[in-house]
Amino acid sequence: MANLKKALESQLVRLMMHILKFFIQPLKRTRSWVMSIKNARHQIRDILQKQPSLKNRIRVIWNDVFRKAKRKAEEETQEDCDIQELDWDTTFNQKFDLDDEDDE
C-alpha cells in the first residue's frame, strides 16, 4: 500500500502541475500537457480502483500536493502562479483542450 500512496501523490502532483501550467501559460499550451492531465487522471482512477480507501488520503494530502505542484509549475514555466488553490471539480472533472479560451 505504501507504493500506491506514493504513486497516488506523484500522479496528483503531476495532474495539478499540468493544470496550473495550462492556466498560467495559455499561449504555450501543448498537446502533451492535455495528455498528461488525462493520463494522470486515468492513473489516479486505476490506483483508487486497486485501493478505494486511498480516496480519503487525497483530501489529507491535497494542500501539500498543491504546494508541490505549484512550485514545480513555477519552476518549469519560470513564471509566478497567482492561483491559490485548485478545487476537486477542476482537478478531476474539468475538460482541458488546446482550444480552451478560459485563461482564469
PDB file of N, CA and C in Angstrom:
ATOM      1  N   MET A   1       0.818  -1.200   0.000  1.00  0.00           N
ATOM      2  CA  MET A   1       0.000   0.000   0.000  1.00  0.00           C
ATOM      3  C   MET A   1       0.863   1.266   0.000  1.00  0.00           C
ATOM      4  N   ALA A   2       2.037   1.201   0.589  1.00  0.00           N
ATOM      5  CA  ALA A   2       2.929   2.371   0.598  1.00  0.00           C
ATOM      6  C   ALA A   2       3.270   2.807  -0.818  1.00  0.00           C
ATOM      7  N   ASN A   3       3.502   1.832  -1.703  1.00  0.00           N
ATOM      8  CA  ASN A   3       3.805   2.169  -3.092  1.00  0.00           C
ATOM      9  C   ASN A   3       2.627   2.855  -3.769  1.00  0.00           C
ATOM     10  N   LEU A   4       1.412   2.395  -3.452  1.00  0.00           N
ATOM     11  CA  LEU A   4       0.227   3.026  -4.037  1.00  0.00           C
ATOM     12  C   LEU A   4       0.045   4.440  -3.499  1.00  0.00           C
ATOM     13  N   LYS A   5       0.371   4.654  -2.235  1.00  0.00           N
ATOM     14  CA  LYS A   5       0.289   6.007  -1.665  1.00  0.00           C
ATOM     15  C   LYS A   5       1.253   6.942  -2.385  1.00  0.00           C
ATOM     16  N   LYS A   6       2.479   6.476  -2.596  1.00  0.00           N
ATOM     17  CA  LYS A   6       3.481   7.287  -3.304  1.00  0.00           C
ATOM     18  C   LYS A   6       3.042   7.553  -4.737  1.00  0.00           C
ATOM     19  N   ALA A   7       2.530   6.523  -5.383  1.00  0.00           N
ATOM     20  CA  ALA A   7       2.075   6.669  -6.766  1.00  0.00           C
ATOM     21  C   ALA A   7       0.915   7.659  -6.848  1.00  0.00           C
ATOM     22  N   LEU A   8       0.004   7.576  -5.896  1.00  0.00           N
ATOM     23  CA  LEU A   8      -1.130   8.485  -5.870  1.00  0.00           C
ATOM     24  C   LEU A   8      -0.645   9.925  -5.726  1.00  0.00           C
ATOM     25  N   GLU A   9       0.244  10.158  -4.778  1.00  0.00           N
ATOM     26  CA  GLU A   9       0.751  11.515  -4.576  1.00  0.00           C
ATOM     27  C   GLU A   9       1.496  12.006  -5.814  1.00  0.00           C
ATOM     28  N   SER A  10       2.310  11.171  -6.405  1.00  0.00           N
ATOM     29  CA  SER A  10       3.063  11.546  -7.591  1.00  0.00           C
ATOM     30  C   SER A  10       2.136  11.924  -8.746  1.00  0.00           C
ATOM     31  N   GLN A  11       1.125  11.119  -8.974  1.00  0.00           N
ATOM     32  CA  GLN A  11       0.180  11.396 -10.065  1.00  0.00           C
ATOM     33  C   GLN A  11      -0.628  12.656  -9.785  1.00  0.00           C
ATOM     34  N   LEU A  12      -0.979  12.878  -8.532  1.00  0.00           N
ATOM     35  CA  LEU A  12      -1.749  14.068  -8.175  1.00  0.00           C
ATOM     36  C   LEU A  12      -0.902  15.331  -8.358  1.00  0.00           C
ATOM     37  N   VAL A  13       0.366  15.267  -7.997  1.00  0.00           N
ATOM     38  CA  VAL A  13       1.265  16.403  -8.238  1.00  0.00           C
ATOM     39  C   VAL A  13       1.363  16.666  -9.735  1.00  0.00           C
ATOM     40  N   ARG A  14       1.561  15.617 -10.511  1.00  0.00           N
ATOM     41  CA  ARG A  14       1.674  15.774 -11.977  1.00  0.00           C
ATOM     42  C   ARG A  14       0.400  16.374 -12.561  1.00  0.00           C
ATOM     43  N   LEU A  15      -0.737  15.878 -12.102  1.00  0.00           N
ATOM     44  CA  LEU A  15      -2.024  16.374 -12.586  1.00  0.00           C
ATOM     45  C   LEU A  15      -2.182  17.864 -12.278  1.00  0.00           C
ATOM     46  N   MET A  16      -1.977  18.228 -11.024  1.00  0.00           N
ATOM     47  CA  MET A  16      -2.144  19.633 -10.635  1.00  0.00           C
ATOM     48  C   MET A  16      -1.129  20.535 -11.325  1.00  0.00           C
ATOM     49  N   MET A  17       0.101  20.069 -11.456  1.00  0.00           N
ATOM     50  CA  MET A  17       1.135  20.871 -12.098  1.00  0.00           C
ATOM     51  C   MET A  17       0.750  21.208 -13.538  1.00  0.00           C
ATOM     52  N   HIS A  18       0.262  20.221 -14.276  1.00  0.00           N
ATOM     53  CA  HIS A  18      -0.097  20.487 -15.666  1.00  0.00           C
ATOM     54  C   HIS A  18      -1.352  21.342 -15.780  1.00  0.00           C
ATOM     55  N   ILE A  19      -2.273  21.206 -14.845  1.00  0.00           N
ATOM     56  CA  ILE A  19      -3.444  22.090 -14.840  1.00  0.00           C
ATOM     57  C   ILE A  19      -2.988  23.523 -14.578  1.00  0.00           C
ATOM     58  N   LEU A  20      -2.111  23.697 -13.613  1.00  0.00           N
ATOM     59  CA  LEU A  20      -1.596  25.043 -13.324  1.00  0.00           C
ATOM     60  C   LEU A  20      -0.856  25.616 -14.527  1.00  0.00           C
ATOM     61  N   LYS A  21      -0.018  24.828 -15.158  1.00  0.00           N
ATOM     62  CA  LYS A  21       0.697  25.287 -16.342  1.00  0.00           C
ATOM     63  C   LYS A  21      -0.289  25.676 -17.443  1.00  0.00           C
ATOM     64  N   PHE A  22      -1.340  24.907 -17.565  1.00  0.00           N
ATOM     65  CA  PHE A  22      -2.370  25.175 -18.574  1.00  0.00           C
ATOM     66  C   PHE A  22      -2.977  26.564 -18.357  1.00  0.00           C
ATOM     67  N   PHE A  23      -3.210  26.909 -17.088  1.00  0.00           N
ATOM     68  CA  PHE A  23      -3.802  28.208 -16.765  1.00  0.00           C
ATOM     69  C   PHE A  23      -2.805  29.360 -16.857  1.00  0.00           C
ATOM     70  N   ILE A  24      -1.569  29.166 -16.420  1.00  0.00           N
ATOM     71  CA  ILE A  24      -0.646  30.295 -16.353  1.00  0.00           C
ATOM     72  C   ILE A  24       0.088  30.564 -17.668  1.00  0.00           C
ATOM     73  N   GLN A  25       0.061  29.613 -18.580  1.00  0.00           N
ATOM     74  CA  GLN A  25       0.699  29.838 -19.880  1.00  0.00           C
ATOM     75  C   GLN A  25      -0.243  29.461 -21.024  1.00  0.00           C
ATOM     76  N   PRO A  26      -1.343  30.207 -21.165  1.00  0.00           N
ATOM     77  CA  PRO A  26      -2.323  29.844 -22.195  1.00  0.00           C
ATOM     78  C   PRO A  26      -1.780  29.855 -23.618  1.00  0.00           C
ATOM     79  N   LEU A  27      -0.778  30.676 -23.874  1.00  0.00           N
ATOM     80  CA  LEU A  27      -0.233  30.743 -25.231  1.00  0.00           C
ATOM     81  C   LEU A  27       0.789  29.661 -25.516  1.00  0.00           C
ATOM     82  N   LYS A  28       1.190  28.926 -24.481  1.00  0.00           N
ATOM     83  CA  LYS A  28       2.187  27.869 -24.658  1.00  0.00           C
ATOM     84  C   LYS A  28       1.600  26.484 -24.403  1.00  0.00           C
ATOM     85  N   ARG A  29       0.288  26.381 -24.413  1.00  0.00           N
ATOM     86  CA  ARG A  29      -0.352  25.093 -24.171  1.00  0.00           C
ATOM     87  C   ARG A  29       0.070  24.085 -25.232  1.00  0.00           C
ATOM     88  N   THR A  30       0.299  22.869 -24.772  1.00  0.00           N
ATOM     89  CA  THR A  30       0.702  21.824 -25.710  1.00  0.00           C
ATOM     90  C   THR A  30      -0.190  20.605 -25.560  1.00  0.00           C
ATOM     91  N   ARG A  31      -0.176  19.815 -26.596  1.00  0.00           N
ATOM     92  CA  ARG A  31      -0.932  18.559 -26.563  1.00  0.00           C
ATOM     93  C   ARG A  31      -0.400  17.655 -25.453  1.00  0.00           C
ATOM     94  N   SER A  32       0.898  17.718 -25.189  1.00  0.00           N
ATOM     95  CA  SER A  32       1.459  16.858 -24.146  1.00  0.00           C
ATOM     96  C   SER A  32       0.907  17.232 -22.770  1.00  0.00           C
ATOM     97  N   TRP A  33       0.612  18.515 -22.531  1.00  0.00           N
ATOM     98  CA  TRP A  33       0.011  18.902 -21.248  1.00  0.00           C
ATOM     99  C   TRP A  33      -1.385  18.298 -21.122  1.00  0.00           C
ATOM    100  N   VAL A  34      -2.155  18.395 -22.196  1.00  0.00           N
ATOM    101  CA  VAL A  34      -3.509  17.824 -22.194  1.00  0.00           C
ATOM    102  C   VAL A  34      -3.440  16.321 -21.966  1.00  0.00           C
ATOM    103  N   MET A  35      -2.532  15.657 -22.652  1.00  0.00           N
ATOM    104  CA  MET A  35      -2.397  14.210 -22.499  1.00  0.00           C
ATOM    105  C   MET A  35      -1.910  13.845 -21.101  1.00  0.00           C
ATOM    106  N   SER A  36      -1.044  14.647 -20.530  1.00  0.00           N
ATOM    107  CA  SER A  36      -0.566  14.391 -19.180  1.00  0.00           C
ATOM    108  C   SER A  36      -1.704  14.516 -18.167  1.00  0.00           C
ATOM    109  N   ILE A  37      -2.566  15.509 -18.343  1.00  0.00           N
ATOM    110  CA  ILE A  37      -3.735  15.663 -17.474  1.00  0.00           C
ATOM    111  C   ILE A  37      -4.622  14.433 -17.576  1.00  0.00           C
ATOM    112  N   LYS A  38      -4.924  14.020 -18.798  1.00  0.00           N
ATOM    113  CA  LYS A  38      -5.782  12.843 -18.999  1.00  0.00           C
ATOM    114  C   LYS A  38      -5.138  11.581 -18.437  1.00  0.00           C
ATOM    115  N   ASN A  39      -3.838  11.426 -18.677  1.00  0.00           N
ATOM    116  CA  ASN A  39      -3.145  10.234 -18.212  1.00  0.00           C
ATOM    117  C   ASN A  39      -3.064  10.192 -16.690  1.00  0.00           C
ATOM    118  N   ALA A  40      -2.767  11.317 -16.062  1.00  0.00           N
ATOM    119  CA  ALA A  40      -2.691  11.349 -14.592  1.00  0.00           C
ATOM    120  C   ALA A  40      -4.056  11.015 -13.983  1.00  0.00           C
ATOM    121  N   ARG A  41      -5.115  11.545 -14.560  1.00  0.00           N
ATOM    122  CA  ARG A  41      -6.461  11.212 -14.072  1.00  0.00           C
ATOM    123  C   ARG A  41      -6.723   9.716 -14.195  1.00  0.00           C
ATOM    124  N   HIS A  42      -6.325   9.160 -15.314  1.00  0.00           N
ATOM    125  CA  HIS A  42      -6.509   7.723 -15.534  1.00  0.00           C
ATOM    126  C   HIS A  42      -5.704   6.912 -14.515  1.00  0.00           C
ATOM    127  N   GLN A  43      -4.455   7.304 -14.291  1.00  0.00           N
ATOM    128  CA  GLN A  43      -3.616   6.597 -13.325  1.00  0.00           C
ATOM    129  C   GLN A  43      -4.196   6.685 -11.916  1.00  0.00           C
ATOM    130  N   ILE A  44      -4.722   7.849 -11.552  1.00  0.00           N
ATOM    131  CA  ILE A  44      -5.341   8.012 -10.236  1.00  0.00           C
ATOM    132  C   ILE A  44      -6.564   7.117 -10.109  1.00  0.00           C
ATOM    133  N   ARG A  45      -7.372   7.068 -11.157  1.00  0.00           N
ATOM    134  CA  ARG A  45      -8.545   6.163 -11.135  1.00  0.00           C
ATOM    135  C   ARG A  45      -8.122   4.713 -10.949  1.00  0.00           C
ATOM    136  N   ASP A  46      -7.058   4.316 -11.640  1.00  0.00           N
ATOM    137  CA  ASP A  46      -6.549   2.940 -11.502  1.00  0.00           C
ATOM    138  C   ASP A  46      -6.089   2.654 -10.078  1.00  0.00           C
ATOM    139  N   ILE A  47      -5.377   3.593  -9.496  1.00  0.00           N
ATOM    140  CA  ILE A  47      -4.898   3.426  -8.122  1.00  0.00           C
ATOM    141  C   ILE A  47      -6.085   3.296  -7.174  1.00  0.00           C
ATOM    142  N   LEU A  48      -7.089   4.148  -7.359  1.00  0.00           N
ATOM    143  CA  LEU A  48      -8.256   4.112  -6.470  1.00  0.00           C
ATOM    144  C   LEU A  48      -9.098   2.855  -6.674  1.00  0.00           C
ATOM    145  N   GLN A  49      -9.055   2.289  -7.862  1.00  0.00           N
ATOM    146  CA  GLN A  49      -9.732   1.003  -8.088  1.00  0.00           C
ATOM    147  C   GLN A  49      -9.050  -0.099  -7.301  1.00  0.00           C
ATOM    148  N   LYS A  50      -7.736  -0.063  -7.285  1.00  0.00           N
ATOM    149  CA  LYS A  50      -6.969  -1.076  -6.559  1.00  0.00           C
ATOM    150  C   LYS A  50      -7.097  -0.891  -5.051  1.00  0.00           C
ATOM    151  N   GLN A  51      -7.167   0.371  -4.612  1.00  0.00           N
ATOM    152  CA  GLN A  51      -7.215   0.670  -3.178  1.00  0.00           C
ATOM    153  C   GLN A  51      -8.189   1.828  -2.934  1.00  0.00           C
ATOM    154  N   PRO A  52      -9.509   1.558  -2.930  1.00  0.00           N
ATOM    155  CA  PRO A  52     -10.516   2.614  -2.794  1.00  0.00           C
ATOM    156  C   PRO A  52     -10.362   3.488  -1.551  1.00  0.00           C
ATOM    157  N   SER A  53      -9.805   2.942  -0.486  1.00  0.00           N
ATOM    158  CA  SER A  53      -9.655   3.725   0.748  1.00  0.00           C
ATOM    159  C   SER A  53      -8.693   4.906   0.576  1.00  0.00           C
ATOM    160  N   LEU A  54      -7.875   4.882  -0.475  1.00  0.00           N
ATOM    161  CA  LEU A  54      -6.934   5.980  -0.704  1.00  0.00           C
ATOM    162  C   LEU A  54      -7.634   7.272  -1.141  1.00  0.00           C
ATOM    163  N   LYS A  55      -8.905   7.178  -1.520  1.00  0.00           N
ATOM    164  CA  LYS A  55      -9.636   8.401  -1.891  1.00  0.00           C
ATOM    165  C   LYS A  55      -9.636   9.376  -0.717  1.00  0.00           C
ATOM    166  N   ASN A  56      -9.771   8.859   0.498  1.00  0.00           N
ATOM    167  CA  ASN A  56      -9.715   9.726   1.677  1.00  0.00           C
ATOM    168  C   ASN A  56      -8.340  10.358   1.830  1.00  0.00           C
ATOM    169  N   ARG A  57      -7.317   9.657   1.426  1.00  0.00           N
ATOM    170  CA  ARG A  57      -5.938  10.155   1.519  1.00  0.00           C
ATOM    171  C   ARG A  57      -5.762  11.402   0.661  1.00  0.00           C
ATOM    172  N   ILE A  58      -6.443  11.454  -0.465  1.00  0.00           N
ATOM    173  CA  ILE A  58      -6.329  12.609  -1.359  1.00  0.00           C
ATOM    174  C   ILE A  58      -6.684  13.883  -0.597  1.00  0.00           C
ATOM    175  N   ARG A  59      -7.755  13.829   0.159  1.00  0.00           N
ATOM    176  CA  ARG A  59      -8.179  15.021   0.906  1.00  0.00           C
ATOM    177  C   ARG A  59      -7.160  15.406   1.977  1.00  0.00           C
ATOM    178  N   VAL A  60      -6.496  14.419   2.556  1.00  0.00           N
ATOM    179  CA  VAL A  60      -5.496  14.674   3.599  1.00  0.00           C
ATOM    180  C   VAL A  60      -4.257  15.359   3.017  1.00  0.00           C
ATOM    181  N   ILE A  61      -3.823  14.936   1.839  1.00  0.00           N
ATOM    182  CA  ILE A  61      -2.581  15.453   1.248  1.00  0.00           C
ATOM    183  C   ILE A  61      -2.818  16.601   0.262  1.00  0.00           C
ATOM    184  N   TRP A  62      -4.070  16.970   0.026  1.00  0.00           N
ATOM    185  CA  TRP A  62      -4.445  17.929  -1.018  1.00  0.00           C
ATOM    186  C   TRP A  62      -3.603  19.206  -0.980  1.00  0.00           C
ATOM    187  N   ASN A  63      -3.556  19.882   0.155  1.00  0.00           N
ATOM    188  CA  ASN A  63      -2.854  21.172   0.231  1.00  0.00           C
ATOM    189  C   ASN A  63      -1.359  21.024   0.022  1.00  0.00           C
ATOM    190  N   ASP A  64      -0.776  19.990   0.580  1.00  0.00           N
ATOM    191  CA  ASP A  64       0.656  19.751   0.412  1.00  0.00           C
ATOM    192  C   ASP A  64       0.981  19.450  -1.054  1.00  0.00           C
ATOM    193  N   VAL A  65       0.164  18.633  -1.661  1.00  0.00           N
ATOM    194  CA  VAL A  65       0.363  18.289  -3.073  1.00  0.00           C
ATOM    195  C   VAL A  65       0.206  19.532  -3.945  1.00  0.00           C
ATOM    196  N   PHE A  66      -0.780  20.356  -3.629  1.00  0.00           N
ATOM    197  CA  PHE A  66      -0.969  21.589  -4.399  1.00  0.00           C
ATOM    198  C   PHE A  66       0.273  22.474  -4.324  1.00  0.00           C
ATOM    199  N   ARG A  67       0.828  22.633  -3.126  1.00  0.00           N
ATOM    200  CA  ARG A  67       2.038  23.463  -2.978  1.00  0.00           C
ATOM    201  C   ARG A  67       3.195  22.905  -3.809  1.00  0.00           C
ATOM    202  N   LYS A  68       3.362  21.578  -3.797  1.00  0.00           N
ATOM    203  CA  LYS A  68       4.426  20.962  -4.601  1.00  0.00           C
ATOM    204  C   LYS A  68       4.182  21.193  -6.083  1.00  0.00           C
ATOM    205  N   ALA A  69       2.954  21.013  -6.515  1.00  0.00           N
ATOM    206  CA  ALA A  69       2.607  21.182  -7.930  1.00  0.00           C
ATOM    207  C   ALA A  69       2.803  22.626  -8.367  1.00  0.00           C
ATOM    208  N   LYS A  70       2.422  23.551  -7.509  1.00  0.00           N
ATOM    209  CA  LYS A  70       2.579  24.978  -7.836  1.00  0.00           C
ATOM    210  C   LYS A  70       4.059  25.324  -7.965  1.00  0.00           C
ATOM    211  N   ARG A  71       4.871  24.846  -7.051  1.00  0.00           N
ATOM    212  CA  ARG A  71       6.317  25.107  -7.099  1.00  0.00           C
ATOM    213  C   ARG A  71       6.915  24.546  -8.396  1.00  0.00           C
ATOM    214  N   LYS A  72       6.521  23.320  -8.741  1.00  0.00           N
ATOM    215  CA  LYS A  72       7.045  22.707  -9.973  1.00  0.00           C
ATOM    216  C   LYS A  72       6.581  23.465 -11.216  1.00  0.00           C
ATOM    217  N   ALA A  73       5.306  23.883 -11.219  1.00  0.00           N
ATOM    218  CA  ALA A  73       4.778  24.631 -12.363  1.00  0.00           C
ATOM    219  C   ALA A  73       5.530  25.947 -12.524  1.00  0.00           C
ATOM    220  N   GLU A  74       5.807  26.626 -11.413  1.00  0.00           N
ATOM    221  CA  GLU A  74       6.551  27.883 -11.480  1.00  0.00           C
ATOM    222  C   GLU A  74       7.982  27.655 -11.952  1.00  0.00           C
ATOM    223  N   GLU A  75       8.594  26.578 -11.495  1.00  0.00           N
ATOM    224  CA  GLU A  75       9.964  26.264 -11.936  1.00  0.00           C
ATOM    225  C   GLU A  75      10.000  25.976 -13.429  1.00  0.00           C
ATOM    226  N   GLU A  76       9.053  25.183 -13.895  1.00  0.00           N
ATOM    227  CA  GLU A  76       9.058  24.795 -15.311  1.00  0.00           C
ATOM    228  C   GLU A  76       8.698  25.946 -16.237  1.00  0.00           C
ATOM    229  N   THR A  77       7.763  26.800 -15.815  1.00  0.00           N
ATOM    230  CA  THR A  77       7.333  27.907 -16.670  1.00  0.00           C
ATOM    231  C   THR A  77       8.173  29.159 -16.454  1.00  0.00           C
ATOM    232  N   GLN A  78       8.885  29.200 -15.339  1.00  0.00           N
ATOM    233  CA  GLN A  78       9.644  30.382 -14.925  1.00  0.00           C
ATOM    234  C   GLN A  78       8.730  31.602 -14.805  1.00  0.00           C
ATOM    235  N   GLU A  79       7.510  31.336 -14.349  1.00  0.00           N
ATOM    236  CA  GLU A  79       6.520  32.389 -14.117  1.00  0.00           C
ATOM    237  C   GLU A  79       5.899  32.179 -12.753  1.00  0.00           C
ATOM    238  N   ASP A  80       5.513  33.304 -12.128  1.00  0.00           N
ATOM    239  CA  ASP A  80       4.792  33.202 -10.864  1.00  0.00           C
ATOM    240  C   ASP A  80       3.361  32.770 -11.129  1.00  0.00           C
ATOM    241  N   CYS A  81       2.856  31.950 -10.246  1.00  0.00           N
ATOM    242  CA  CYS A  81       1.480  31.468 -10.348  1.00  0.00           C
ATOM    243  C   CYS A  81       0.674  32.106  -9.231  1.00  0.00           C
ATOM    244  N   ASP A  82      -0.342  32.878  -9.607  1.00  0.00           N
ATOM    245  CA  ASP A  82      -1.159  33.537  -8.581  1.00  0.00           C
ATOM    246  C   ASP A  82      -2.386  32.705  -8.187  1.00  0.00           C
ATOM    247  N   ILE A  83      -2.499  31.518  -8.708  1.00  0.00           N
ATOM    248  CA  ILE A  83      -3.594  30.628  -8.339  1.00  0.00           C
ATOM    249  C   ILE A  83      -3.322  30.112  -6.929  1.00  0.00           C
ATOM    250  N   GLN A  84      -4.279  30.286  -6.041  1.00  0.00           N
ATOM    251  CA  GLN A  84      -4.087  29.926  -4.643  1.00  0.00           C
ATOM    252  C   GLN A  84      -4.623  28.547  -4.288  1.00  0.00           C
ATOM    253  N   GLU A  85      -5.456  27.972  -5.152  1.00  0.00           N
ATOM    254  CA  GLU A  85      -5.985  26.629  -4.891  1.00  0.00           C
ATOM    255  C   GLU A  85      -6.606  26.056  -6.151  1.00  0.00           C
ATOM    256  N   LEU A  86      -6.712  24.763  -6.180  1.00  0.00           N
ATOM    257  CA  LEU A  86      -7.472  24.051  -7.213  1.00  0.00           C
ATOM    258  C   LEU A  86      -8.559  23.281  -6.488  1.00  0.00           C
ATOM    259  N   ASP A  87      -9.744  23.326  -7.036  1.00  0.00           N
ATOM    260  CA  ASP A  87     -10.822  22.572  -6.398  1.00  0.00           C
ATOM    261  C   ASP A  87     -10.935  21.181  -7.024  1.00  0.00           C
ATOM    262  N   TRP A  88     -11.711  20.352  -6.387  1.00  0.00           N
ATOM    263  CA  TRP A  88     -11.888  18.961  -6.808  1.00  0.00           C
ATOM    264  C   TRP A  88     -12.417  18.887  -8.241  1.00  0.00           C
ATOM    265  N   ASP A  89     -13.433  19.695  -8.540  1.00  0.00           N
ATOM    266  CA  ASP A  89     -14.062  19.624  -9.863  1.00  0.00           C
ATOM    267  C   ASP A  89     -13.080  20.010 -10.968  1.00  0.00           C
ATOM    268  N   THR A  90     -12.334  21.070 -10.753  1.00  0.00           N
ATOM    269  CA  THR A  90     -11.337  21.473 -11.753  1.00  0.00           C
ATOM    270  C   THR A  90     -10.292  20.382 -11.931  1.00  0.00           C
ATOM    271  N   THR A  91      -9.845  19.837 -10.823  1.00  0.00           N
ATOM    272  CA  THR A  91      -8.766  18.851 -10.860  1.00  0.00           C
ATOM    273  C   THR A  91      -9.182  17.546 -11.514  1.00  0.00           C
ATOM    274  N   PHE A  92     -10.386  17.103 -11.226  1.00  0.00           N
ATOM    275  CA  PHE A  92     -10.773  15.775 -11.701  1.00  0.00           C
ATOM    276  C   PHE A  92     -11.825  15.749 -12.810  1.00  0.00           C
ATOM    277  N   ASN A  93     -12.534  16.861 -13.026  1.00  0.00           N
ATOM    278  CA  ASN A  93     -13.648  16.804 -13.971  1.00  0.00           C
ATOM    279  C   ASN A  93     -13.579  17.795 -15.128  1.00  0.00           C
ATOM    280  N   GLN A  94     -12.925  18.924 -14.932  1.00  0.00           N
ATOM    281  CA  GLN A  94     -12.912  19.934 -15.981  1.00  0.00           C
ATOM    282  C   GLN A  94     -12.223  19.398 -17.220  1.00  0.00           C
ATOM    283  N   LYS A  95     -12.808  19.714 -18.363  1.00  0.00           N
ATOM    284  CA  LYS A  95     -12.236  19.298 -19.640  1.00  0.00           C
ATOM    285  C   LYS A  95     -11.154  20.299 -20.046  1.00  0.00           C
ATOM    286  N   PHE A  96     -10.013  19.793 -20.447  1.00  0.00           N
ATOM    287  CA  PHE A  96      -8.910  20.632 -20.915  1.00  0.00           C
ATOM    288  C   PHE A  96      -8.593  20.248 -22.353  1.00  0.00           C
ATOM    289  N   ASP A  97      -8.682  21.233 -23.225  1.00  0.00           N
ATOM    290  CA  ASP A  97      -8.359  21.049 -24.637  1.00  0.00           C
ATOM    291  C   ASP A  97      -7.506  22.223 -25.091  1.00  0.00           C
ATOM    292  N   LEU A  98      -6.827  22.053 -26.190  1.00  0.00           N
ATOM    293  CA  LEU A  98      -5.988  23.127 -26.701  1.00  0.00           C
ATOM    294  C   LEU A  98      -6.794  24.326 -27.164  1.00  0.00           C
ATOM    295  N   ASP A  99      -8.052  24.129 -27.495  1.00  0.00           N
ATOM    296  CA  ASP A  99      -8.864  25.257 -27.967  1.00  0.00           C
ATOM    297  C   ASP A  99      -9.601  25.946 -26.828  1.00  0.00           C
ATOM    298  N   ASP A 100      -9.317  25.595 -25.577  1.00  0.00           N
ATOM    299  CA  ASP A 100      -9.950  26.252 -24.421  1.00  0.00           C
ATOM    300  C   ASP A 100      -9.539  27.717 -24.395  1.00  0.00           C
ATOM    301  N   GLU A 101     -10.509  28.575 -24.191  1.00  0.00           N
ATOM    302  CA  GLU A 101     -10.248  30.008 -24.129  1.00  0.00           C
ATOM    303  C   GLU A 101     -10.186  30.489 -22.685  1.00  0.00           C
ATOM    304  N   ASP A 102     -10.487  29.639 -21.728  1.00  0.00           N
ATOM    305  CA  ASP A 102     -10.545  30.029 -20.319  1.00  0.00           C
ATOM    306  C   ASP A 102      -9.139  30.206 -19.763  1.00  0.00           C
ATOM    307  N   ASP A 103      -8.737  31.430 -19.564  1.00  0.00           N
ATOM    308  CA  ASP A 103      -7.399  31.730 -19.065  1.00  0.00           C
ATOM    309  C   ASP A 103      -7.391  31.932 -17.560  1.00  0.00           C
ATOM    310  N   GLU A 104      -8.486  31.868 -16.904  1.00  0.00           N
ATOM    311  CA  GLU A 104      -8.564  32.111 -15.454  1.00  0.00           C
ATOM    312  C   GLU A 104      -8.229  30.872 -14.706  1.00  0.00           C
TER     313      GLU A 104
END
